Amino acid sequence: MNKHACFTSNVFRLAVLALAIAGAGSAIAATTTASATSTIIAPINIAKAVDLAFGSFAASAAPGTVTLTPGGTRTVDGGVAVIAASPSSAAKFDVTGQPGFAYSISVTGTPLTSGGNSMAFTPVSDLTGSAATSGNATAGLLTAGGTQSIFVGGVLSVGASQAPGDYAGEITALVNYN
């Protein structure tokens, strides 16, 4: 056998040996696996339980305010006289979702209008139905049962000699998981 044929034969043997070793597994390669998991949580929901009602009051020649706490206590200031027998109530929104999850809260309100007349409305909210007269809850935490309530009162700005009428507006409460 000549040198060239012997060399070619040895190269061929090495190539076959390398393929056999690679096919059997290489000492410098390794393989493993990892688990892939996912959890689907309950969607967050919000539902109105109670509407906000400032009740009836009388306006005078001087401007004033009607304040309703998230706990439902009504007070008046300035040129406003409350009608005692007129019921009032803070709004209540019930939040449901994944137990123990945190969420953000945004509460906004529109002016209350009657025909072409309006009164500015500033919402006041919390999670306990407190006597707060300013501020808004911005975050909540769902209980072990996956619930929590948001209470909304507010400050209504009554103009001097505000026109009589039935005034209405809206409160929007938005919640999102953090």
N, C-alpha and C. Protein backbone atom coordinates (compact mmCIF):
# COMPACT_ATOMS: atom_id res chain seq x y z
N MET A 1 0.84 -1.15 0.00
CA MET A 1 0.00 0.00 0.00
C MET A 1 0.89 1.22 0.00
N ASN A 2 0.57 2.20 -0.80
CA ASN A 2 1.41 3.39 -0.86
C ASN A 2 1.05 4.35 0.26
N LYS A 3 1.92 5.34 0.46
CA LYS A 3 1.74 6.30 1.53
C LYS A 3 0.42 7.07 1.40
N HIS A 4 0.11 7.42 0.19
CA HIS A 4 -1.12 8.19 -0.05
C HIS A 4 -2.35 7.37 0.31
N ALA A 5 -2.38 6.14 -0.05
CA ALA A 5 -3.52 5.28 0.23
C ALA A 5 -3.62 5.02 1.73
N CYS A 6 -2.47 4.85 2.40
CA CYS A 6 -2.46 4.62 3.83
C CYS A 6 -2.96 5.86 4.58
N PHE A 7 -2.51 7.04 4.13
CA PHE A 7 -2.95 8.30 4.74
C PHE A 7 -4.46 8.46 4.56
N THR A 8 -4.98 8.23 3.37
CA THR A 8 -6.40 8.36 3.08
C THR A 8 -7.19 7.38 3.92
N SER A 9 -6.67 6.18 4.07
CA SER A 9 -7.35 5.17 4.86
C SER A 9 -7.40 5.58 6.34
N ASN A 10 -6.30 6.16 6.85
CA ASN A 10 -6.26 6.61 8.25
C ASN A 10 -7.22 7.79 8.47
N VAL A 11 -7.28 8.71 7.53
CA VAL A 11 -8.18 9.85 7.63
C VAL A 11 -9.63 9.35 7.64
N PHE A 12 -9.91 8.38 6.78
CA PHE A 12 -11.25 7.83 6.73
C PHE A 12 -11.62 7.17 8.06
N ARG A 13 -10.66 6.41 8.63
CA ARG A 13 -10.90 5.75 9.91
C ARG A 13 -11.15 6.78 11.03
N LEU A 14 -10.37 7.85 11.02
CA LEU A 14 -10.56 8.92 12.02
C LEU A 14 -11.92 9.58 11.87
N ALA A 15 -12.33 9.83 10.66
CA ALA A 15 -13.64 10.45 10.41
C ALA A 15 -14.76 9.54 10.89
N VAL A 16 -14.66 8.23 10.62
CA VAL A 16 -15.68 7.29 11.06
C VAL A 16 -15.70 7.22 12.59
N LEU A 17 -14.49 7.22 13.21
CA LEU A 17 -14.39 7.19 14.66
C LEU A 17 -15.01 8.45 15.28
N ALA A 18 -14.75 9.63 14.68
CA ALA A 18 -15.31 10.90 15.18
C ALA A 18 -16.84 10.88 15.08
N LEU A 19 -17.36 10.37 13.99
CA LEU A 19 -18.81 10.27 13.84
C LEU A 19 -19.40 9.31 14.86
N ALA A 20 -18.72 8.23 15.13
CA ALA A 20 -19.21 7.26 16.12
C ALA A 20 -19.23 7.87 17.51
N ILE A 21 -18.18 8.64 17.84
CA ILE A 21 -18.11 9.28 19.16
C ILE A 21 -19.20 10.34 19.27
N ALA A 22 -19.37 11.16 18.24
CA ALA A 22 -20.38 12.21 18.25
C ALA A 22 -21.78 11.62 18.36
N GLY A 23 -22.02 10.53 17.68
CA GLY A 23 -23.32 9.89 17.73
C GLY A 23 -23.60 9.29 19.10
N ALA A 24 -22.56 8.87 19.81
CA ALA A 24 -22.73 8.26 21.12
C ALA A 24 -22.86 9.31 22.21
N GLY A 25 -22.59 10.57 21.91
CA GLY A 25 -22.64 11.64 22.90
C GLY A 25 -21.25 12.16 23.15
N SER A 26 -21.16 13.45 23.20
CA SER A 26 -19.86 14.07 23.38
C SER A 26 -19.64 14.37 24.86
N ALA A 27 -18.43 14.24 25.29
CA ALA A 27 -18.08 14.50 26.68
C ALA A 27 -18.14 15.99 27.00
N ILE A 28 -18.19 16.86 25.98
CA ILE A 28 -18.21 18.30 26.22
C ILE A 28 -19.60 18.92 25.99
N ALA A 29 -20.62 18.12 25.71
CA ALA A 29 -21.99 18.61 25.52
C ALA A 29 -22.88 18.07 26.64
N ALA A 30 -23.90 18.85 27.02
CA ALA A 30 -24.84 18.42 28.04
C ALA A 30 -26.23 18.95 27.69
N THR A 31 -27.23 18.26 28.17
CA THR A 31 -28.62 18.64 27.90
C THR A 31 -29.42 18.54 29.19
N THR A 32 -30.38 19.47 29.37
CA THR A 32 -31.32 19.39 30.49
C THR A 32 -32.64 20.00 30.05
N THR A 33 -33.65 19.92 30.89
CA THR A 33 -34.94 20.52 30.58
C THR A 33 -35.40 21.35 31.77
N ALA A 34 -36.31 22.28 31.52
CA ALA A 34 -36.93 23.10 32.56
C ALA A 34 -38.43 22.99 32.40
N SER A 35 -39.14 23.16 33.50
CA SER A 35 -40.60 23.15 33.45
C SER A 35 -41.10 24.50 32.97
N ALA A 36 -42.21 24.51 32.29
CA ALA A 36 -42.89 25.74 31.87
C ALA A 36 -44.26 25.72 32.54
N THR A 37 -44.56 26.78 33.31
CA THR A 37 -45.84 26.85 34.01
C THR A 37 -46.53 28.16 33.75
N SER A 38 -47.79 28.22 34.08
CA SER A 38 -48.57 29.44 33.92
C SER A 38 -49.72 29.39 34.91
N THR A 39 -50.13 30.57 35.40
CA THR A 39 -51.29 30.67 36.28
C THR A 39 -52.24 31.72 35.71
N ILE A 40 -53.46 31.36 35.55
CA ILE A 40 -54.47 32.31 35.09
C ILE A 40 -55.22 32.78 36.33
N ILE A 41 -55.22 34.09 36.55
CA ILE A 41 -55.88 34.65 37.73
C ILE A 41 -57.29 35.11 37.38
N ALA A 42 -58.08 35.28 38.41
CA ALA A 42 -59.44 35.79 38.22
C ALA A 42 -59.36 37.22 37.69
N PRO A 43 -60.17 37.58 36.72
CA PRO A 43 -60.16 38.95 36.22
C PRO A 43 -60.66 39.91 37.32
N ILE A 44 -60.16 41.14 37.28
CA ILE A 44 -60.63 42.14 38.23
C ILE A 44 -61.92 42.75 37.68
N ASN A 45 -62.89 42.90 38.57
CA ASN A 45 -64.18 43.47 38.18
C ASN A 45 -64.60 44.52 39.20
N ILE A 46 -65.44 45.43 38.77
CA ILE A 46 -66.00 46.44 39.67
C ILE A 46 -67.46 46.62 39.31
N ALA A 47 -68.29 46.75 40.34
CA ALA A 47 -69.73 46.93 40.13
C ALA A 47 -70.24 47.99 41.10
N LYS A 48 -71.13 48.84 40.61
CA LYS A 48 -71.76 49.85 41.47
C LYS A 48 -72.74 49.15 42.39
N ALA A 49 -72.62 49.44 43.69
CA ALA A 49 -73.56 48.90 44.67
C ALA A 49 -74.55 49.97 45.11
N VAL A 50 -74.08 51.24 45.24
CA VAL A 50 -74.93 52.34 45.70
C VAL A 50 -74.56 53.60 44.91
N ASP A 51 -75.57 54.37 44.49
CA ASP A 51 -75.34 55.66 43.82
C ASP A 51 -75.06 56.73 44.87
N LEU A 52 -74.35 57.78 44.47
CA LEU A 52 -74.11 58.94 45.33
C LEU A 52 -75.32 59.86 45.24
N ALA A 53 -75.79 60.32 46.39
CA ALA A 53 -76.91 61.26 46.44
C ALA A 53 -76.58 62.36 47.44
N PHE A 54 -76.49 63.59 46.95
CA PHE A 54 -76.24 64.73 47.84
C PHE A 54 -77.50 65.15 48.59
N GLY A 55 -78.63 64.65 48.16
CA GLY A 55 -79.90 65.03 48.79
C GLY A 55 -80.37 66.40 48.32
N SER A 56 -81.41 66.90 48.94
CA SER A 56 -81.98 68.20 48.58
C SER A 56 -81.41 69.29 49.49
N PHE A 57 -81.26 70.48 48.92
CA PHE A 57 -80.79 71.64 49.68
C PHE A 57 -81.25 72.90 48.96
N ALA A 58 -81.16 74.01 49.65
CA ALA A 58 -81.56 75.29 49.07
C ALA A 58 -80.32 76.16 48.89
N ALA A 59 -80.28 76.88 47.77
CA ALA A 59 -79.17 77.81 47.49
C ALA A 59 -79.65 79.23 47.78
N SER A 60 -78.71 80.05 48.25
CA SER A 60 -79.05 81.46 48.53
C SER A 60 -78.26 82.35 47.58
N ALA A 61 -78.23 83.64 47.88
CA ALA A 61 -77.51 84.60 47.05
C ALA A 61 -75.99 84.47 47.20
N ALA A 62 -75.54 83.69 48.16
CA ALA A 62 -74.10 83.47 48.36
C ALA A 62 -73.73 82.06 47.91
N PRO A 63 -72.56 81.86 47.31
CA PRO A 63 -72.14 80.51 46.92
C PRO A 63 -71.85 79.66 48.16
N GLY A 64 -71.80 78.36 47.99
CA GLY A 64 -71.50 77.46 49.09
C GLY A 64 -71.13 76.08 48.59
N THR A 65 -71.01 75.15 49.51
CA THR A 65 -70.67 73.77 49.16
C THR A 65 -71.55 72.81 49.95
N VAL A 66 -71.73 71.65 49.36
CA VAL A 66 -72.31 70.51 50.04
C VAL A 66 -71.23 69.44 50.02
N THR A 67 -70.83 68.98 51.22
CA THR A 67 -69.80 67.96 51.31
C THR A 67 -70.42 66.68 51.85
N LEU A 68 -70.13 65.59 51.17
CA LEU A 68 -70.61 64.28 51.57
C LEU A 68 -69.39 63.38 51.74
N THR A 69 -69.15 62.90 52.95
CA THR A 69 -67.98 62.05 53.20
C THR A 69 -68.20 60.66 52.60
N PRO A 70 -67.11 59.88 52.38
CA PRO A 70 -67.28 58.50 51.92
C PRO A 70 -68.11 57.66 52.89
N GLY A 71 -68.19 58.10 54.14
CA GLY A 71 -69.02 57.43 55.13
C GLY A 71 -70.47 57.85 55.09
N GLY A 72 -70.81 58.86 54.28
CA GLY A 72 -72.21 59.28 54.12
C GLY A 72 -72.65 60.45 54.96
N THR A 73 -71.73 61.13 55.66
CA THR A 73 -72.10 62.29 56.46
C THR A 73 -72.13 63.53 55.56
N ARG A 74 -73.23 64.27 55.63
CA ARG A 74 -73.41 65.45 54.78
C ARG A 74 -73.30 66.72 55.62
N THR A 75 -72.53 67.69 55.11
CA THR A 75 -72.44 69.02 55.73
C THR A 75 -72.56 70.07 54.63
N VAL A 76 -72.96 71.28 55.03
CA VAL A 76 -73.08 72.38 54.07
C VAL A 76 -72.26 73.56 54.59
N ASP A 77 -71.92 74.43 53.66
CA ASP A 77 -71.11 75.60 54.00
C ASP A 77 -71.55 76.76 53.11
N GLY A 78 -71.36 77.96 53.57
CA GLY A 78 -71.70 79.15 52.77
C GLY A 78 -73.19 79.32 52.64
N GLY A 79 -73.62 79.69 51.43
CA GLY A 79 -75.02 80.00 51.18
C GLY A 79 -75.88 78.81 50.85
N VAL A 80 -75.66 77.69 51.52
CA VAL A 80 -76.46 76.48 51.27
C VAL A 80 -77.15 76.08 52.56
N ALA A 81 -78.43 75.77 52.45
CA ALA A 81 -79.20 75.28 53.60
C ALA A 81 -79.67 73.87 53.27
N VAL A 82 -79.36 72.95 54.15
CA VAL A 82 -79.73 71.56 53.93
C VAL A 82 -81.19 71.34 54.33
N ILE A 83 -81.83 70.46 53.61
CA ILE A 83 -83.19 70.04 53.94
C ILE A 83 -83.02 68.75 54.75
N ALA A 84 -83.32 68.81 56.04
CA ALA A 84 -83.02 67.72 56.97
C ALA A 84 -83.65 66.39 56.57
N ALA A 85 -84.85 66.40 56.08
CA ALA A 85 -85.54 65.16 55.76
C ALA A 85 -85.06 64.52 54.46
N SER A 86 -84.18 65.19 53.75
CA SER A 86 -83.72 64.69 52.46
C SER A 86 -82.58 63.68 52.64
N PRO A 87 -82.78 62.45 52.23
CA PRO A 87 -81.72 61.45 52.41
C PRO A 87 -80.54 61.70 51.47
N SER A 88 -79.37 61.34 51.96
CA SER A 88 -78.15 61.40 51.16
C SER A 88 -77.40 60.10 51.35
N SER A 89 -76.53 59.78 50.40
CA SER A 89 -75.74 58.55 50.52
C SER A 89 -74.47 58.66 49.69
N ALA A 90 -73.40 58.11 50.23
CA ALA A 90 -72.15 58.01 49.47
C ALA A 90 -72.29 56.87 48.47
N ALA A 91 -71.54 56.96 47.39
CA ALA A 91 -71.54 55.87 46.42
C ALA A 91 -70.68 54.73 46.96
N LYS A 92 -70.98 53.54 46.51
CA LYS A 92 -70.19 52.37 46.89
C LYS A 92 -69.98 51.52 45.66
N PHE A 93 -68.72 51.13 45.43
CA PHE A 93 -68.35 50.24 44.34
C PHE A 93 -67.73 48.99 44.95
N ASP A 94 -68.14 47.81 44.48
CA ASP A 94 -67.58 46.56 44.97
C ASP A 94 -66.60 45.99 43.94
N VAL A 95 -65.38 45.72 44.40
CA VAL A 95 -64.32 45.19 43.55
C VAL A 95 -64.16 43.71 43.87
N THR A 96 -64.04 42.88 42.84
CA THR A 96 -63.76 41.46 43.01
C THR A 96 -62.62 41.06 42.08
N GLY A 97 -61.91 40.02 42.50
CA GLY A 97 -60.80 39.53 41.68
C GLY A 97 -60.00 38.48 42.43
N GLN A 98 -58.72 38.38 42.08
CA GLN A 98 -57.83 37.36 42.64
C GLN A 98 -57.49 37.70 44.09
N PRO A 99 -57.80 36.80 45.03
CA PRO A 99 -57.51 37.07 46.44
C PRO A 99 -56.04 37.45 46.67
N GLY A 100 -55.85 38.50 47.50
CA GLY A 100 -54.51 38.93 47.88
C GLY A 100 -53.79 39.79 46.85
N PHE A 101 -54.40 40.09 45.72
CA PHE A 101 -53.73 40.88 44.69
C PHE A 101 -53.96 42.38 44.93
N ALA A 102 -52.94 43.16 44.64
CA ALA A 102 -53.01 44.62 44.74
C ALA A 102 -53.53 45.19 43.42
N TYR A 103 -54.17 46.35 43.53
CA TYR A 103 -54.69 47.00 42.32
C TYR A 103 -54.66 48.51 42.50
N SER A 104 -54.70 49.22 41.37
CA SER A 104 -54.75 50.68 41.40
C SER A 104 -56.20 51.14 41.21
N ILE A 105 -56.47 52.34 41.73
CA ILE A 105 -57.82 52.91 41.69
C ILE A 105 -57.76 54.32 41.11
N SER A 106 -58.68 54.64 40.23
CA SER A 106 -58.84 56.00 39.74
C SER A 106 -60.33 56.34 39.81
N VAL A 107 -60.65 57.42 40.52
CA VAL A 107 -62.04 57.86 40.65
C VAL A 107 -62.15 59.26 40.08
N THR A 108 -63.07 59.46 39.15
CA THR A 108 -63.30 60.78 38.56
C THR A 108 -64.80 61.06 38.56
N GLY A 109 -65.14 62.32 38.45
CA GLY A 109 -66.55 62.71 38.42
C GLY A 109 -66.78 63.82 37.43
N THR A 110 -67.99 63.89 36.93
CA THR A 110 -68.38 64.95 36.02
C THR A 110 -69.17 66.00 36.80
N PRO A 111 -69.27 67.22 36.29
CA PRO A 111 -70.14 68.21 36.95
C PRO A 111 -71.57 67.69 36.96
N LEU A 112 -72.34 68.12 37.94
CA LEU A 112 -73.76 67.79 37.97
C LEU A 112 -74.49 68.87 37.19
N THR A 113 -75.34 68.47 36.25
CA THR A 113 -76.02 69.44 35.38
C THR A 113 -77.53 69.26 35.42
N SER A 114 -78.19 70.37 35.13
CA SER A 114 -79.63 70.39 34.97
C SER A 114 -79.91 71.41 33.87
N GLY A 115 -80.30 70.93 32.71
CA GLY A 115 -80.46 71.83 31.57
C GLY A 115 -79.12 72.49 31.26
N GLY A 116 -79.08 73.81 31.21
CA GLY A 116 -77.84 74.54 30.95
C GLY A 116 -77.10 74.92 32.22
N ASN A 117 -77.55 74.48 33.37
CA ASN A 117 -76.92 74.84 34.65
C ASN A 117 -76.04 73.68 35.14
N SER A 118 -74.96 74.04 35.84
CA SER A 118 -74.09 72.99 36.35
C SER A 118 -73.47 73.37 37.69
N MET A 119 -73.01 72.34 38.40
CA MET A 119 -72.27 72.52 39.65
C MET A 119 -71.05 71.61 39.58
N ALA A 120 -69.89 72.18 39.93
CA ALA A 120 -68.65 71.40 39.92
C ALA A 120 -68.71 70.34 41.02
N PHE A 121 -68.18 69.17 40.72
CA PHE A 121 -68.15 68.06 41.66
C PHE A 121 -66.72 67.54 41.78
N THR A 122 -66.23 67.44 43.01
CA THR A 122 -64.90 66.88 43.28
C THR A 122 -65.08 65.62 44.11
N PRO A 123 -64.74 64.44 43.56
CA PRO A 123 -64.93 63.21 44.33
C PRO A 123 -63.94 63.08 45.49
N VAL A 124 -64.36 62.41 46.54
CA VAL A 124 -63.54 62.06 47.70
C VAL A 124 -63.79 60.57 47.93
N SER A 125 -62.72 59.76 47.92
CA SER A 125 -62.93 58.32 48.05
C SER A 125 -61.96 57.69 49.04
N ASP A 126 -62.39 56.56 49.59
CA ASP A 126 -61.52 55.75 50.44
C ASP A 126 -62.05 54.32 50.47
N LEU A 127 -61.38 53.47 51.23
CA LEU A 127 -61.73 52.06 51.28
C LEU A 127 -62.45 51.66 52.56
N THR A 128 -62.74 52.65 53.43
CA THR A 128 -63.32 52.32 54.73
C THR A 128 -64.64 53.02 55.02
N GLY A 129 -65.07 53.92 54.17
CA GLY A 129 -66.29 54.68 54.46
C GLY A 129 -66.05 55.66 55.59
N SER A 130 -64.95 56.39 55.51
CA SER A 130 -64.52 57.30 56.58
C SER A 130 -65.21 58.65 56.50
N ALA A 131 -64.74 59.56 57.37
CA ALA A 131 -65.24 60.92 57.41
C ALA A 131 -64.34 61.87 56.62
N ALA A 132 -63.57 61.35 55.69
CA ALA A 132 -62.65 62.18 54.89
C ALA A 132 -63.44 63.20 54.08
N THR A 133 -62.86 64.40 53.95
CA THR A 133 -63.50 65.45 53.14
C THR A 133 -62.62 65.87 51.96
N SER A 134 -61.51 65.18 51.77
CA SER A 134 -60.66 65.42 50.60
C SER A 134 -59.81 64.18 50.36
N GLY A 135 -59.27 64.08 49.16
CA GLY A 135 -58.39 62.97 48.80
C GLY A 135 -59.13 61.82 48.15
N ASN A 136 -58.33 60.95 47.54
CA ASN A 136 -58.89 59.78 46.87
C ASN A 136 -58.01 58.57 47.11
N ALA A 137 -58.64 57.41 47.26
CA ALA A 137 -57.91 56.15 47.34
C ALA A 137 -57.27 55.90 45.99
N THR A 138 -56.00 55.49 45.98
CA THR A 138 -55.30 55.23 44.72
C THR A 138 -54.87 53.78 44.58
N ALA A 139 -54.98 53.00 45.67
CA ALA A 139 -54.57 51.60 45.61
C ALA A 139 -55.40 50.79 46.59
N GLY A 140 -55.59 49.53 46.26
CA GLY A 140 -56.33 48.63 47.12
C GLY A 140 -55.68 47.26 47.13
N LEU A 141 -56.12 46.40 48.04
CA LEU A 141 -55.64 45.03 48.16
C LEU A 141 -56.84 44.14 48.39
N LEU A 142 -57.06 43.21 47.49
CA LEU A 142 -58.20 42.32 47.61
C LEU A 142 -58.02 41.39 48.80
N THR A 143 -59.09 41.16 49.54
CA THR A 143 -59.06 40.31 50.73
C THR A 143 -58.82 38.85 50.35
N ALA A 144 -58.72 38.01 51.36
CA ALA A 144 -58.58 36.57 51.13
C ALA A 144 -59.78 36.01 50.37
N GLY A 145 -60.89 36.70 50.46
CA GLY A 145 -62.08 36.30 49.70
C GLY A 145 -62.14 36.93 48.31
N GLY A 146 -61.15 37.77 47.98
CA GLY A 146 -61.10 38.40 46.65
C GLY A 146 -62.04 39.57 46.48
N THR A 147 -62.33 40.31 47.58
CA THR A 147 -63.26 41.44 47.50
C THR A 147 -62.69 42.66 48.20
N GLN A 148 -63.21 43.81 47.89
CA GLN A 148 -62.97 45.06 48.60
C GLN A 148 -63.98 46.08 48.07
N SER A 149 -64.33 47.06 48.90
CA SER A 149 -65.26 48.11 48.48
C SER A 149 -64.56 49.45 48.44
N ILE A 150 -65.01 50.31 47.51
CA ILE A 150 -64.55 51.69 47.40
C ILE A 150 -65.76 52.57 47.69
N PHE A 151 -65.60 53.51 48.63
CA PHE A 151 -66.67 54.42 49.01
C PHE A 151 -66.35 55.80 48.46
N VAL A 152 -67.35 56.46 47.86
CA VAL A 152 -67.11 57.76 47.22
C VAL A 152 -68.14 58.77 47.70
N GLY A 153 -67.65 59.86 48.26
CA GLY A 153 -68.45 61.03 48.57
C GLY A 153 -67.93 62.14 47.67
N GLY A 154 -68.00 63.38 48.15
CA GLY A 154 -67.45 64.46 47.35
C GLY A 154 -67.88 65.82 47.83
N VAL A 155 -67.37 66.80 47.12
CA VAL A 155 -67.70 68.20 47.41
C VAL A 155 -68.40 68.76 46.18
N LEU A 156 -69.59 69.30 46.41
CA LEU A 156 -70.38 69.89 45.35
C LEU A 156 -70.34 71.40 45.53
N SER A 157 -69.89 72.12 44.51
CA SER A 157 -69.81 73.59 44.57
C SER A 157 -71.11 74.18 44.04
N VAL A 158 -71.82 74.85 44.94
CA VAL A 158 -73.12 75.43 44.61
C VAL A 158 -72.93 76.92 44.35
N GLY A 159 -73.37 77.37 43.19
CA GLY A 159 -73.22 78.77 42.83
C GLY A 159 -74.21 79.67 43.57
N ALA A 160 -73.89 80.95 43.63
CA ALA A 160 -74.81 81.93 44.21
C ALA A 160 -76.11 81.88 43.41
N SER A 161 -77.23 81.78 44.11
CA SER A 161 -78.55 81.69 43.48
C SER A 161 -78.61 80.58 42.43
N GLN A 162 -78.01 79.44 42.74
CA GLN A 162 -78.01 78.28 41.82
C GLN A 162 -79.44 77.98 41.41
N ALA A 163 -79.66 77.80 40.12
CA ALA A 163 -81.01 77.54 39.59
C ALA A 163 -81.57 76.24 40.15
N PRO A 164 -82.84 76.25 40.55
CA PRO A 164 -83.46 75.02 41.02
C PRO A 164 -83.53 73.98 39.90
N GLY A 165 -83.58 72.73 40.27
CA GLY A 165 -83.70 71.65 39.28
C GLY A 165 -83.13 70.35 39.82
N ASP A 166 -83.35 69.30 39.05
CA ASP A 166 -82.77 67.99 39.36
C ASP A 166 -81.45 67.89 38.62
N TYR A 167 -80.36 67.85 39.34
CA TYR A 167 -79.02 67.82 38.76
C TYR A 167 -78.48 66.39 38.78
N ALA A 168 -77.76 66.03 37.74
CA ALA A 168 -77.19 64.69 37.65
C ALA A 168 -75.82 64.75 36.99
N GLY A 169 -74.96 63.86 37.39
CA GLY A 169 -73.64 63.70 36.81
C GLY A 169 -73.23 62.24 36.93
N GLU A 170 -71.95 61.96 36.73
CA GLU A 170 -71.48 60.60 36.79
C GLU A 170 -70.18 60.50 37.59
N ILE A 171 -70.01 59.35 38.20
CA ILE A 171 -68.75 59.00 38.85
C ILE A 171 -68.22 57.79 38.11
N THR A 172 -66.95 57.83 37.76
CA THR A 172 -66.30 56.70 37.12
C THR A 172 -65.22 56.18 38.04
N ALA A 173 -65.27 54.89 38.33
CA ALA A 173 -64.24 54.24 39.15
C ALA A 173 -63.57 53.19 38.27
N LEU A 174 -62.26 53.30 38.13
CA LEU A 174 -61.47 52.40 37.28
C LEU A 174 -60.48 51.66 38.17
N VAL A 175 -60.40 50.35 38.02
CA VAL A 175 -59.45 49.54 38.78
C VAL A 175 -58.63 48.68 37.82
N ASN A 176 -57.34 48.51 38.15
CA ASN A 176 -56.43 47.68 37.36
C ASN A 176 -55.48 46.96 38.30
N TYR A 177 -55.21 45.70 38.00
CA TYR A 177 -54.18 45.01 38.77
C TYR A 177 -52.85 45.73 38.63
N ASN A 178 -52.06 45.74 39.69
CA ASN A 178 -50.71 46.32 39.62
C ASN A 178 -49.76 45.34 38.98
